[in-house]
C-alpha atoms as a PDB file:
ATOM      1  CA  UNK A   1      29.088 126.544 -71.253  1.00  0.00           C
ATOM      2  CA  UNK A   2      25.989 125.840 -68.547  1.00  0.00           C
ATOM      3  CA  UNK A   3      24.593 123.697 -70.755  1.00  0.00           C
ATOM      4  CA  UNK A   4      27.574 121.281 -71.346  1.00  0.00           C
ATOM      5  CA  UNK A   5      28.070 121.659 -67.547  1.00  0.00           C
ATOM      6  CA  UNK A   6      24.493 120.374 -67.162  1.00  0.00           C
ATOM      7  CA  UNK A   7      24.721 117.634 -69.666  1.00  0.00           C
ATOM      8  CA  UNK A   8      27.860 116.027 -67.994  1.00  0.00           C
ATOM      9  CA  UNK A   9      26.108 116.097 -64.770  1.00  0.00           C
ATOM     10  CA  UNK A  10      23.366 114.221 -66.349  1.00  0.00           C
ATOM     11  CA  UNK A  11      25.593 111.682 -68.092  1.00  0.00           C
ATOM     12  CA  UNK A  12      27.246 110.879 -64.918  1.00  0.00           C
ATOM     13  CA  UNK A  13      24.157 110.781 -62.961  1.00  0.00           C
ATOM     14  CA  UNK A  14      22.715 108.199 -65.797  1.00  0.00           C
ATOM     15  CA  UNK A  15      25.657 106.273 -65.623  1.00  0.00           C
ATOM     16  CA  UNK A  16      25.408 105.871 -61.865  1.00  0.00           C
ATOM     17  CA  UNK A  17      21.824 104.731 -61.935  1.00  0.00           C
ATOM     18  CA  UNK A  18      22.548 102.335 -64.890  1.00  0.00           C
ATOM     19  CA  UNK A  19      25.312 100.557 -62.500  1.00  0.00           C
ATOM     20  CA  UNK A  20      23.166 100.809 -59.697  1.00  0.00           C
ATOM     21  CA  UNK A  21      20.335  98.960 -61.879  1.00  0.00           C
ATOM     22  CA  UNK A  22      22.559  96.694 -63.139  1.00  0.00           C
ATOM     23  CA  UNK A  23      24.708  95.691 -60.088  1.00  0.00           C
ATOM     24  CA  UNK A  24      22.098  96.094 -57.302  1.00  0.00           C
ATOM     25  CA  UNK A  25      23.084  98.620 -55.077  1.00  0.00           C
ATOM     26  CA  UNK A  26      26.646  99.476 -53.946  1.00  0.00           C
ATOM     27  CA  UNK A  27      27.463 101.826 -57.014  1.00  0.00           C
ATOM     28  CA  UNK A  28      29.906 104.237 -55.524  1.00  0.00           C
ATOM     29  CA  UNK A  29      31.973 100.635 -54.276  1.00  0.00           C
ATOM     30  CA  UNK A  30      31.737  99.127 -57.391  1.00  0.00           C
ATOM     31  CA  UNK A  31      33.060 102.587 -59.395  1.00  0.00           C
ATOM     32  CA  UNK A  32      35.926 102.994 -56.943  1.00  0.00           C
ATOM     33  CA  UNK A  33      36.984  99.480 -57.585  1.00  0.00           C
ATOM     34  CA  UNK A  34      36.998  99.950 -61.528  1.00  0.00           C
ATOM     35  CA  UNK A  35      38.587 103.278 -61.349  1.00  0.00           C
ATOM     36  CA  UNK A  36      41.201 102.332 -59.027  1.00  0.00           C
ATOM     37  CA  UNK A  37      42.083  98.647 -60.189  1.00  0.00           C
ATOM     38  CA  UNK A  38      43.922 100.077 -63.391  1.00  0.00           C
ATOM     39  CA  UNK A  39      45.802 102.757 -61.230  1.00  0.00           C
ATOM     40  CA  UNK A  40      47.029 100.655 -58.848  1.00  0.00           C
ATOM     41  CA  UNK A  41      48.365  97.725 -60.784  1.00  0.00           C
ATOM     42  CA  UNK A  42      49.330  94.250 -59.496  1.00  0.00           C
ATOM     43  CA  UNK A  43      50.727  94.211 -56.016  1.00  0.00           C
ATOM     44  CA  UNK A  44      53.666  92.087 -55.060  1.00  0.00           C
ATOM     45  CA  UNK A  45      55.018  90.813 -51.992  1.00  0.00           C
ATOM     46  CA  UNK A  46      57.967  93.183 -50.195  1.00  0.00           C
ATOM     47  CA  UNK A  47      61.085  91.653 -51.330  1.00  0.00           C
ATOM     48  CA  UNK A  48      63.626  91.580 -48.273  1.00  0.00           C
ATOM     49  CA  UNK A  49      67.416  91.155 -49.024  1.00  0.00           C
ATOM     50  CA  UNK A  50      68.534  87.746 -47.637  1.00  0.00           C
ATOM     51  CA  UNK A  51      70.844  88.270 -44.184  1.00  0.00           C
ATOM     52  CA  UNK A  52      73.707  86.416 -43.676  1.00  0.00           C
ATOM     53  CA  UNK A  53      75.986  85.730 -40.538  1.00  0.00           C
ATOM     54  CA  UNK A  54      77.091  88.989 -38.758  1.00  0.00           C
ATOM     55  CA  UNK A  55      75.186  90.965 -41.664  1.00  0.00           C
ATOM     56  CA  UNK A  56      77.461  89.924 -44.520  1.00  0.00           C
ATOM     57  CA  UNK A  57      76.398  90.375 -47.882  1.00  0.00           C
ATOM     58  CA  UNK A  58      77.137  86.774 -49.181  1.00  0.00           C
ATOM     59  CA  UNK A  59      77.260  83.376 -46.872  1.00  0.00           C
ATOM     60  CA  UNK A  60      80.804  82.394 -46.311  1.00  0.00           C
ATOM     61  CA  UNK A  61      82.541  79.070 -47.752  1.00  0.00           C
ATOM     62  CA  UNK A  62      82.317  75.898 -46.167  1.00  0.00           C
ATOM     63  CA  UNK A  63      84.518  75.694 -43.136  1.00  0.00           C
ATOM     64  CA  UNK A  64      85.380  79.519 -43.049  1.00  0.00           C
ATOM     65  CA  UNK A  65      84.452  81.682 -40.226  1.00  0.00           C
ATOM     66  CA  UNK A  66      82.138  84.914 -40.893  1.00  0.00           C
ATOM     67  CA  UNK A  67      83.325  87.902 -38.906  1.00  0.00           C
ATOM     68  CA  UNK A  68      82.948  91.734 -38.725  1.00  0.00           C
ATOM     69  CA  UNK A  69      84.617  94.326 -37.067  1.00  0.00           C
ATOM     70  CA  UNK A  70      83.946  97.766 -36.181  1.00  0.00           C
ATOM     71  CA  UNK A  71      86.314 100.008 -34.577  1.00  0.00           C
ATOM     72  CA  UNK A  72      85.154 102.477 -31.464  1.00  0.00           C
ATOM     73  CA  UNK A  73      83.689 106.045 -32.468  1.00  0.00           C
ATOM     74  CA  UNK A  74      85.762 108.392 -30.981  1.00  0.00           C
ATOM     75  CA  UNK A  75      85.680 107.596 -27.127  1.00  0.00           C
ATOM     76  CA  UNK A  76      81.855 107.737 -26.942  1.00  0.00           C
ATOM     77  CA  UNK A  77      80.591 104.555 -29.063  1.00  0.00           C
ATOM     78  CA  UNK A  78      82.446 101.221 -28.378  1.00  0.00           C
ATOM     79  CA  UNK A  79      83.663  98.801 -30.740  1.00  0.00           C
ATOM     80  CA  UNK A  80      82.017  95.414 -31.720  1.00  0.00           C
ATOM     81  CA  UNK A  81      83.528  91.778 -32.702  1.00  0.00           C
ATOM     82  CA  UNK A  82      80.976  89.743 -34.504  1.00  0.00           C
ATOM     83  CA  UNK A  83      81.839  85.848 -35.386  1.00  0.00           C
ATOM     84  CA  UNK A  84      79.463  83.267 -36.991  1.00  0.00           C
ATOM     85  CA  UNK A  85      76.809  85.991 -36.036  1.00  0.00           C
ATOM     86  CA  UNK A  86      77.791  85.920 -32.028  1.00  0.00           C
ATOM     87  CA  UNK A  87      78.708  88.851 -30.476  1.00  0.00           C
ATOM     88  CA  UNK A  88      82.076  88.520 -28.966  1.00  0.00           C
ATOM     89  CA  UNK A  89      82.812  91.598 -27.711  1.00  0.00           C
ATOM     90  CA  UNK A  90      80.482  95.018 -27.291  1.00  0.00           C
ATOM     91  CA  UNK A  91      79.351  97.798 -25.158  1.00  0.00           C
ATOM     92  CA  UNK A  92      75.786  96.147 -24.565  1.00  0.00           C
ATOM     93  CA  UNK A  93      77.921  93.089 -23.431  1.00  0.00           C
ATOM     94  CA  UNK A  94      79.821  95.156 -21.257  1.00  0.00           C
ATOM     95  CA  UNK A  95      83.293  93.751 -22.337  1.00  0.00           C
ATOM     96  CA  UNK A  96      85.004  96.569 -24.197  1.00  0.00           C
ATOM     97  CA  UNK A  97      87.586  99.417 -22.747  1.00  0.00           C
ATOM     98  CA  UNK A  98      89.780 102.155 -24.237  1.00  0.00           C
ATOM     99  CA  UNK A  99      92.590 100.978 -25.819  1.00  0.00           C
ATOM    100  CA  UNK A 100      92.789  97.641 -27.794  1.00  0.00           C
ATOM    101  CA  UNK A 101      90.022  95.303 -27.458  1.00  0.00           C
ATOM    102  CA  UNK A 102      91.067  91.819 -28.200  1.00  0.00           C
ATOM    103  CA  UNK A 103      89.350  88.386 -28.979  1.00  0.00           C
ATOM    104  CA  UNK A 104      90.731  84.987 -29.278  1.00  0.00           C
ATOM    105  CA  UNK A 105      89.506  82.022 -31.135  1.00  0.00           C
ATOM    106  CA  UNK A 106      90.319  78.608 -31.517  1.00  0.00           C
ATOM    107  CA  UNK A 107      91.891  78.431 -35.378  1.00  0.00           C
ATOM    108  CA  UNK A 108      90.643  74.855 -35.394  1.00  0.00           C
ATOM    109  CA  UNK A 109      87.167  74.960 -34.202  1.00  0.00           C
ATOM    110  CA  UNK A 110      86.225  78.526 -34.353  1.00  0.00           C
ATOM    111  CA  UNK A 111      85.588  78.257 -30.604  1.00  0.00           C
ATOM    112  CA  UNK A 112      85.881  81.495 -28.291  1.00  0.00           C
ATOM    113  CA  UNK A 113      89.039  81.545 -26.032  1.00  0.00           C
ATOM    114  CA  UNK A 114      88.835  84.549 -24.082  1.00  0.00           C
ATOM    115  CA  UNK A 115      88.287  88.434 -24.732  1.00  0.00           C
ATOM    116  CA  UNK A 116      89.929  91.400 -22.878  1.00  0.00           C
ATOM    117  CA  UNK A 117      90.733  95.092 -23.366  1.00  0.00           C
ATOM    118  CA  UNK A 118      94.029  96.761 -22.867  1.00  0.00           C
ATOM    119  CA  UNK A 119      94.137 100.568 -21.905  1.00  0.00           C
ATOM    120  CA  UNK A 120      96.895 101.913 -24.042  1.00  0.00           C
ATOM    121  CA  UNK A 121      96.475 105.261 -22.796  1.00  0.00           C
ATOM    122  CA  UNK A 122      96.574 104.659 -18.912  1.00  0.00           C
ATOM    123  CA  UNK A 123      97.405 101.088 -18.309  1.00  0.00           C
ATOM    124  CA  UNK A 124     100.226  98.998 -18.287  1.00  0.00           C
ATOM    125  CA  UNK A 125     101.451  97.649 -21.551  1.00  0.00           C
ATOM    126  CA  UNK A 126     103.359  94.442 -19.834  1.00  0.00           C
ATOM    127  CA  UNK A 127      99.493  93.458 -19.197  1.00  0.00           C
ATOM    128  CA  UNK A 128      99.226  93.642 -23.380  1.00  0.00           C
ATOM    129  CA  UNK A 129     102.676  91.569 -23.277  1.00  0.00           C
ATOM    130  CA  UNK A 130     101.737  88.750 -20.814  1.00  0.00           C
ATOM    131  CA  UNK A 131      98.550  88.028 -23.064  1.00  0.00           C
ATOM    132  CA  UNK A 132     100.301  88.027 -26.285  1.00  0.00           C
ATOM    133  CA  UNK A 133     103.537  86.139 -25.543  1.00  0.00           C
ATOM    134  CA  UNK A 134     101.988  82.479 -24.836  1.00  0.00           C
ATOM    135  CA  UNK A 135      99.682  82.083 -27.800  1.00  0.00           C
ATOM    136  CA  UNK A 136      99.316  78.864 -29.201  1.00  0.00           C
ATOM    137  CA  UNK A 137      99.886  78.167 -32.721  1.00  0.00           C
ATOM    138  CA  UNK A 138      96.882  78.851 -34.957  1.00  0.00           C
ATOM    139  CA  UNK A 139      95.120  80.592 -32.572  1.00  0.00           C
ATOM    140  CA  UNK A 140      92.931  83.826 -34.186  1.00  0.00           C
ATOM    141  CA  UNK A 141      93.626  87.279 -32.876  1.00  0.00           C
ATOM    142  CA  UNK A 142      90.647  89.770 -33.675  1.00  0.00           C
ATOM    143  CA  UNK A 143      91.289  93.228 -32.670  1.00  0.00           C
ATOM    144  CA  UNK A 144      89.417  96.240 -32.429  1.00  0.00           C
ATOM    145  CA  UNK A 145      90.283  99.767 -31.279  1.00  0.00           C
ATOM    146  CA  UNK A 146      88.569 102.169 -29.347  1.00  0.00           C
ATOM    147  CA  UNK A 147      89.909 105.810 -28.461  1.00  0.00           C
ATOM    148  CA  UNK A 148      93.555 105.760 -28.060  1.00  0.00           C
ATOM    149  CA  UNK A 149      95.032 102.164 -29.224  1.00  0.00           C
ATOM    150  CA  UNK A 150      98.754 103.291 -29.468  1.00  0.00           C
ATOM    151  CA  UNK A 151     100.093 105.712 -26.930  1.00  0.00           C
ATOM    152  CA  UNK A 152     101.621 102.564 -24.698  1.00  0.00           C
ATOM    153  CA  UNK A 153     102.809 100.522 -27.247  1.00  0.00           C
ATOM    154  CA  UNK A 154     106.585  99.592 -27.002  1.00  0.00           C
ATOM    155  CA  UNK A 155     108.745  97.890 -29.757  1.00  0.00           C
ATOM    156  CA  UNK A 156     108.325  94.377 -28.461  1.00  0.00           C
ATOM    157  CA  UNK A 157     104.054  94.530 -28.268  1.00  0.00           C
ATOM    158  CA  UNK A 158     104.399  96.038 -32.089  1.00  0.00           C
ATOM    159  CA  UNK A 159     106.631  93.265 -33.116  1.00  0.00           C
ATOM    160  CA  UNK A 160     104.226  90.692 -31.611  1.00  0.00           C
ATOM    161  CA  UNK A 161     101.147  91.930 -33.562  1.00  0.00           C
ATOM    162  CA  UNK A 162     103.663  92.011 -36.603  1.00  0.00           C
ATOM    163  CA  UNK A 163     104.479  88.483 -35.915  1.00  0.00           C
ATOM    164  CA  UNK A 164     100.317  87.798 -36.410  1.00  0.00           C
ATOM    165  CA  UNK A 165     100.655  89.290 -39.501  1.00  0.00           C
ATOM    166  CA  UNK A 166      99.783  92.911 -38.888  1.00  0.00           C
ATOM    167  CA  UNK A 167     101.351  95.691 -41.067  1.00  0.00           C
ATOM    168  CA  UNK A 168      99.852  99.137 -39.683  1.00  0.00           C
ATOM    169  CA  UNK A 169     100.796  98.124 -36.375  1.00  0.00           C
ATOM    170  CA  UNK A 170     104.342  99.548 -37.223  1.00  0.00           C
ATOM    171  CA  UNK A 171     102.833 102.837 -37.495  1.00  0.00           C
ATOM    172  CA  UNK A 172      99.863 103.071 -35.492  1.00  0.00           C
ATOM    173  CA  UNK A 173      99.688 106.314 -33.216  1.00  0.00           C
ATOM    174  CA  UNK A 174      97.412 108.092 -30.855  1.00  0.00           C
ATOM    175  CA  UNK A 175      93.972 107.993 -31.513  1.00  0.00           C
ATOM    176  CA  UNK A 176      94.108 106.081 -34.861  1.00  0.00           C
ATOM    177  CA  UNK A 177      91.444 103.805 -35.930  1.00  0.00           C
ATOM    178  CA  UNK A 178      92.454  99.909 -35.983  1.00  0.00           C
ATOM    179  CA  UNK A 179      90.783  96.803 -36.985  1.00  0.00           C
ATOM    180  CA  UNK A 180      92.594  93.666 -37.469  1.00  0.00           C
ATOM    181  CA  UNK A 181      92.452  89.664 -37.837  1.00  0.00           C
ATOM    182  CA  UNK A 182      95.582  88.054 -37.353  1.00  0.00           C
ATOM    183  CA  UNK A 183      96.679  84.429 -36.115  1.00  0.00           C
ATOM    184  CA  UNK A 184      99.828  82.777 -34.587  1.00  0.00           C
ATOM    185  CA  UNK A 185     102.174  81.116 -36.598  1.00  0.00           C
ATOM    186  CA  UNK A 186     100.620  83.007 -39.899  1.00  0.00           C
ATOM    187  CA  UNK A 187     103.056  82.715 -42.195  1.00  0.00           C
ATOM    188  CA  UNK A 188     102.325  85.963 -44.691  1.00  0.00           C
ATOM    189  CA  UNK A 189     100.872  89.146 -43.899  1.00  0.00           C
ATOM    190  CA  UNK A 190      97.188  89.243 -42.917  1.00  0.00           C
ATOM    191  CA  UNK A 191      94.501  90.462 -45.602  1.00  0.00           C
ATOM    192  CA  UNK A 192      92.341  91.636 -42.762  1.00  0.00           C
ATOM    193  CA  UNK A 193      93.329  95.034 -41.795  1.00  0.00           C
ATOM    194  CA  UNK A 194      92.400  98.628 -41.608  1.00  0.00           C
ATOM    195  CA  UNK A 195      93.899 101.790 -40.197  1.00  0.00           C
ATOM    196  CA  UNK A 196      92.500 104.974 -39.995  1.00  0.00           C
ATOM    197  CA  UNK A 197      94.866 107.682 -38.799  1.00  0.00           C
ATOM    198  CA  UNK A 198      94.552 110.489 -36.603  1.00  0.00           C
ATOM    199  CA  UNK A 199      94.647 113.718 -38.641  1.00  0.00           C
ATOM    200  CA  UNK A 200      93.281 117.439 -37.749  1.00  0.00           C
ATOM    201  CA  UNK A 201      92.264 117.794 -41.229  1.00  0.00           C
ATOM    202  CA  UNK A 202      91.129 114.521 -41.952  1.00  0.00           C
ATOM    203  CA  UNK A 203      88.980 113.527 -38.884  1.00  0.00           C
ATOM    204  CA  UNK A 204      85.396 112.784 -38.921  1.00  0.00           C
ATOM    205  CA  UNK A 205      85.054 113.556 -35.469  1.00  0.00           C
ATOM    206  CA  UNK A 206      86.661 116.489 -33.295  1.00  0.00           C
ATOM    207  CA  UNK A 207      90.149 115.021 -32.045  1.00  0.00           C
ATOM    208  CA  UNK A 208      89.354 111.229 -33.509  1.00  0.00           C
ATOM    209  CA  UNK A 209      89.252 109.759 -37.185  1.00  0.00           C
ATOM    210  CA  UNK A 210      85.750 107.980 -38.238  1.00  0.00           C
ATOM    211  CA  UNK A 211      84.953 104.247 -37.164  1.00  0.00           C
ATOM    212  CA  UNK A 212      86.148 101.266 -39.168  1.00  0.00           C
ATOM    213  CA  UNK A 213      84.327  98.422 -40.412  1.00  0.00           C
ATOM    214  CA  UNK A 214      85.395  95.565 -41.863  1.00  0.00           C
ATOM    215  CA  UNK A 215      84.151  91.750 -42.485  1.00  0.00           C
ATOM    216  CA  UNK A 216      85.010  88.532 -44.559  1.00  0.00           C
ATOM    217  CA  UNK A 217      85.308  84.796 -44.269  1.00  0.00           C
ATOM    218  CA  UNK A 218      88.540  83.302 -42.220  1.00  0.00           C
ATOM    219  CA  UNK A 219      89.361  79.654 -43.175  1.00  0.00           C
ATOM    220  CA  UNK A 220      89.515  77.349 -40.107  1.00  0.00           C
ATOM    221  CA  UNK A 221      92.780  75.550 -39.571  1.00  0.00           C
ATOM    222  CA  UNK A 222      92.763  71.723 -40.480  1.00  0.00           C
ATOM    223  CA  UNK A 223      93.608  70.074 -37.041  1.00  0.00           C
ATOM    224  CA  UNK A 224      96.933  68.696 -36.496  1.00  0.00           C
ATOM    225  CA  UNK A 225      97.261  65.007 -37.573  1.00  0.00           C
ATOM    226  CA  UNK A 226      98.668  62.908 -34.562  1.00  0.00           C
END
């Protein structure tokens, strides 16, 4: 065993001496390169997934608006409304509040018209009614809940949301999570709506369901012909 070990040491020493002689010094770096070049293999640049407007996984078609809605998380993290990669409403912008948060958008141009929040726990539902009644034909309505969106809702306010294409608002209840996109004058029910029911057995947070997130592409309305 001793002879074998000595022979190996002599062989390694001879190999290093030979490499040093052939390459003119720097044997350690040459050997390191020889042994590591095979193990490392070819390197490739890191491929990052392409990012589209509002974080969508794919681009929207022409004449469509990219959007993402996120409802509030319990009563701690406020909701978000993103449109065409612009944050219309968020806690960072300091324009969200408990209840129902709404962004109105021109359905022809995609221009933001107004953002507002309505407290459905301690507020006055008449403020919400005054906001929804005069909407113009084709106005897009983006909605994201925060904390409690339903306690102050009455029959008229629910009917106004139904006229915008909502189905869930009929059963919307205390502390439910809700995201919705509708339009004034819509003929059918909106395909953009989610509701998470407040349930003691199913809530993610103590007293609140989990936050909802929804994204998609909304077609722009053709301009009215004169």
